[in-house]
Every structure is written in structure tokens, then in C-alpha cells.
Amino acid sequence: MCLDYELTKKQADKIKAEARKRGYIRVWKACAAKQTGTAGGIRGKWKKGISKAKYLRERNGGWYAFISHRGAKRYKLSHESIKTCYAKPSWIKRLGGYDSCGHAAIFTHLCFPDWDKGDMTIREFRAMCKEKP
């Protein structure tokens, strides 16, 4: 799996600036039960808390997630659900997108909270980052 296109420097800088200002970026990932896709179509398990991506040395290796909920809804398959995830700005590997879905990114790490309450506070995010995976 790889991104169809790269975002322009101006678009990427805007997303990174918003993430730095907030302390984290909220993204959406299409997941099937407790599994999610990684590079090469290999399925990996996600667990509550911080998960490090595999195949980070490869150009397209990492966690793929959408910048908008709408893009994730367009991308997901019928048997998948959409999981809200969080990431530090430093975890962004590449920003791009898919022609039919919208903006997406590749991350080195993702934070998978164990609730569907919406937004996370900075305090909750930092506490989750301090926990050992």
C-alpha cells in the first residue's frame, strides 16, 4: 500500500503547524476488528496505547491513517470500522493522499485509545505516551 500523491510543502506545513500547536494530531484509521493493514498488505495487530509501525526503513512502511474522517469513510471496506487515533507531529513520516479518498499520512507510531468519546486532552495524550507499550 502506498500513497497516490504527496502533499505540497504548503499543505504539509499547515497540517504539521496545527499538530504542533495542539500537541498532537487526530487521525482516522480503517481497521478490521483488532487488526489493521501495514506495508505489503501484511496484517498487524493494534493494541490500546502506543503502537510502533513495522517496515519503517522502507519508503512506504508505517501506519497509514487519514487526516479526515470523511476520507476514512470513503476508503474503508464493508467489514472494517473506523478507529480514531492520535499521533505526535514528530511521528509523521510522509503526508499525501489517495485520489478517490483525500488526505492521508504515514506515521511511525500511532496512539490507539480505548474509547470512542471523541477528542483527547493533552494531559490524557501525554499520559498515554508515557505508558510502556
Protein backbone atom coordinates (compact mmCIF):
# COMPACT_ATOMS: atom_id res chain seq x y z
CA MET A 1 0.00 0.00 0.00
CA CYS A 2 1.32 3.46 -0.86
CA LEU A 3 0.01 6.99 -1.18
CA ASP A 4 -1.21 8.13 -4.62
CA TYR A 5 0.32 11.59 -4.26
CA GLU A 6 2.42 13.78 -1.93
CA LEU A 7 1.00 16.95 -0.39
CA THR A 8 2.56 20.25 -1.38
CA LYS A 9 5.01 21.75 1.10
CA LYS A 10 2.49 24.47 1.99
CA GLN A 11 -0.29 21.94 2.74
CA ALA A 12 2.05 19.68 4.71
CA ASP A 13 3.43 22.60 6.74
CA LYS A 14 -0.11 23.74 7.60
CA ILE A 15 -1.06 20.28 8.94
CA LYS A 16 2.21 20.00 10.90
CA ALA A 17 1.78 23.51 12.37
CA GLU A 18 -1.74 22.68 13.58
CA ALA A 19 -0.44 19.46 15.13
CA ARG A 20 2.42 21.29 16.89
CA LYS A 21 0.03 23.93 18.22
CA ARG A 22 -2.34 21.31 19.60
CA GLY A 23 0.36 18.90 20.77
CA TYR A 24 -0.95 16.00 18.71
CA ILE A 25 -2.85 15.24 15.53
CA ARG A 26 -6.09 13.26 15.40
CA VAL A 27 -6.37 10.82 12.51
CA TRP A 28 -8.74 8.06 11.45
CA LYS A 29 -7.75 4.51 10.51
CA ALA A 30 -9.83 1.81 8.82
CA CYS A 31 -9.43 -1.31 10.95
CA ALA A 32 -10.91 -4.79 10.79
CA ALA A 33 -11.66 -5.97 14.36
CA LYS A 34 -8.32 -5.92 16.21
CA GLN A 35 -6.23 -5.93 13.03
CA THR A 36 -5.07 -3.29 10.63
CA GLY A 37 -3.02 -3.31 7.43
CA THR A 38 0.66 -2.39 7.21
CA ALA A 39 3.11 -2.25 4.31
CA GLY A 40 2.81 -5.03 1.77
CA GLY A 41 -0.70 -5.97 2.88
CA ILE A 42 0.59 -7.82 5.93
CA ARG A 43 -1.94 -7.60 8.75
CA GLY A 44 -0.76 -6.41 12.13
CA LYS A 45 -2.49 -6.23 15.49
CA TRP A 46 -3.11 -2.95 17.25
CA LYS A 47 -3.42 -2.70 21.00
CA LYS A 48 -4.53 0.05 23.32
CA GLY A 49 -1.79 2.65 23.71
CA ILE A 50 1.23 3.42 21.53
CA SER A 51 1.99 1.08 18.64
CA LYS A 52 5.19 1.34 16.63
CA ALA A 53 4.87 0.62 12.93
CA LYS A 54 6.79 -2.07 11.12
CA TYR A 55 8.95 -1.74 7.99
CA LEU A 56 9.98 1.83 8.80
CA ARG A 57 13.15 1.60 6.71
CA GLU A 58 11.05 1.12 3.58
CA ARG A 59 9.67 4.21 1.86
CA ASN A 60 6.05 3.10 2.23
CA GLY A 61 6.42 1.35 5.60
CA GLY A 62 4.43 2.61 8.58
CA TRP A 63 0.91 3.18 9.87
CA TYR A 64 -1.44 4.63 7.26
CA ALA A 65 -4.20 6.92 8.53
CA PHE A 66 -6.49 9.60 7.11
CA ILE A 67 -6.39 13.25 8.12
CA SER A 68 -10.20 13.47 7.81
CA HIS A 69 -12.99 11.17 8.96
CA ARG A 70 -14.63 11.59 5.57
CA GLY A 71 -11.58 10.19 3.77
CA ALA A 72 -11.52 7.16 6.05
CA LYS A 73 -15.22 6.52 5.39
CA ARG A 74 -14.61 6.63 1.64
CA TYR A 75 -11.67 4.23 1.91
CA LYS A 76 -12.95 1.59 4.36
CA LEU A 77 -14.27 -1.76 3.27
CA SER A 78 -17.68 -3.03 4.38
CA HIS A 79 -16.24 -5.30 7.11
CA GLU A 80 -13.97 -2.61 8.56
CA SER A 81 -14.64 0.01 11.20
CA ILE A 82 -13.04 3.42 11.63
CA LYS A 83 -10.78 3.86 14.65
CA THR A 84 -9.79 7.32 15.94
CA CYS A 85 -6.05 7.50 16.59
CA TYR A 86 -3.63 10.17 17.77
CA ALA A 87 -0.04 10.98 16.86
CA LYS A 88 2.71 13.44 17.73
CA PRO A 89 3.81 15.78 14.93
CA SER A 90 7.25 14.12 15.05
CA TRP A 91 5.67 10.75 14.18
CA ILE A 92 4.59 11.96 10.73
CA LYS A 93 6.70 10.17 8.15
CA ARG A 94 5.01 11.39 4.95
CA LEU A 95 1.90 13.38 4.07
CA GLY A 96 -0.04 12.66 0.91
CA GLY A 97 -3.33 11.18 -0.09
CA TYR A 98 -5.46 8.99 -2.29
CA ASP A 99 -7.18 10.31 -5.41
CA SER A 100 -10.61 8.97 -4.51
CA CYS A 101 -10.49 9.49 -0.71
CA GLY A 102 -8.49 12.55 0.34
CA HIS A 103 -5.53 13.46 2.54
CA ALA A 104 -3.71 10.69 4.36
CA ALA A 105 -0.37 10.22 6.08
CA ILE A 106 2.15 7.58 7.03
CA PHE A 107 3.15 7.54 10.70
CA THR A 108 5.99 5.85 12.59
CA HIS A 109 3.79 5.41 15.69
CA LEU A 110 0.08 5.69 16.43
CA CYS A 111 -1.77 6.01 19.71
CA PHE A 112 -4.87 3.79 19.89
CA PRO A 113 -7.11 4.92 22.77
CA ASP A 114 -9.60 2.50 24.26
CA TRP A 115 -12.68 4.72 23.94
CA ASP A 116 -14.89 6.40 21.38
CA LYS A 117 -15.54 9.61 23.29
CA GLY A 118 -14.10 11.89 20.62
CA ASP A 119 -11.29 14.30 21.34
CA MET A 120 -8.49 13.60 23.77
CA THR A 121 -6.98 16.15 26.14
CA ILE A 122 -3.28 16.95 26.07
CA ARG A 123 -2.99 15.52 29.60
CA GLU A 124 -4.56 12.20 28.52
CA PHE A 125 -2.34 12.04 25.42
CA ARG A 126 0.86 12.67 27.38
CA ALA A 127 -0.13 10.07 29.97
CA MET A 128 -0.71 7.53 27.21
CA CYS A 129 2.67 8.36 25.63
CA LYS A 130 4.46 7.81 28.96
CA GLU A 131 2.98 4.32 29.40
CA LYS A 132 5.16 1.47 28.24
CA PRO A 133 3.81 -0.37 25.16
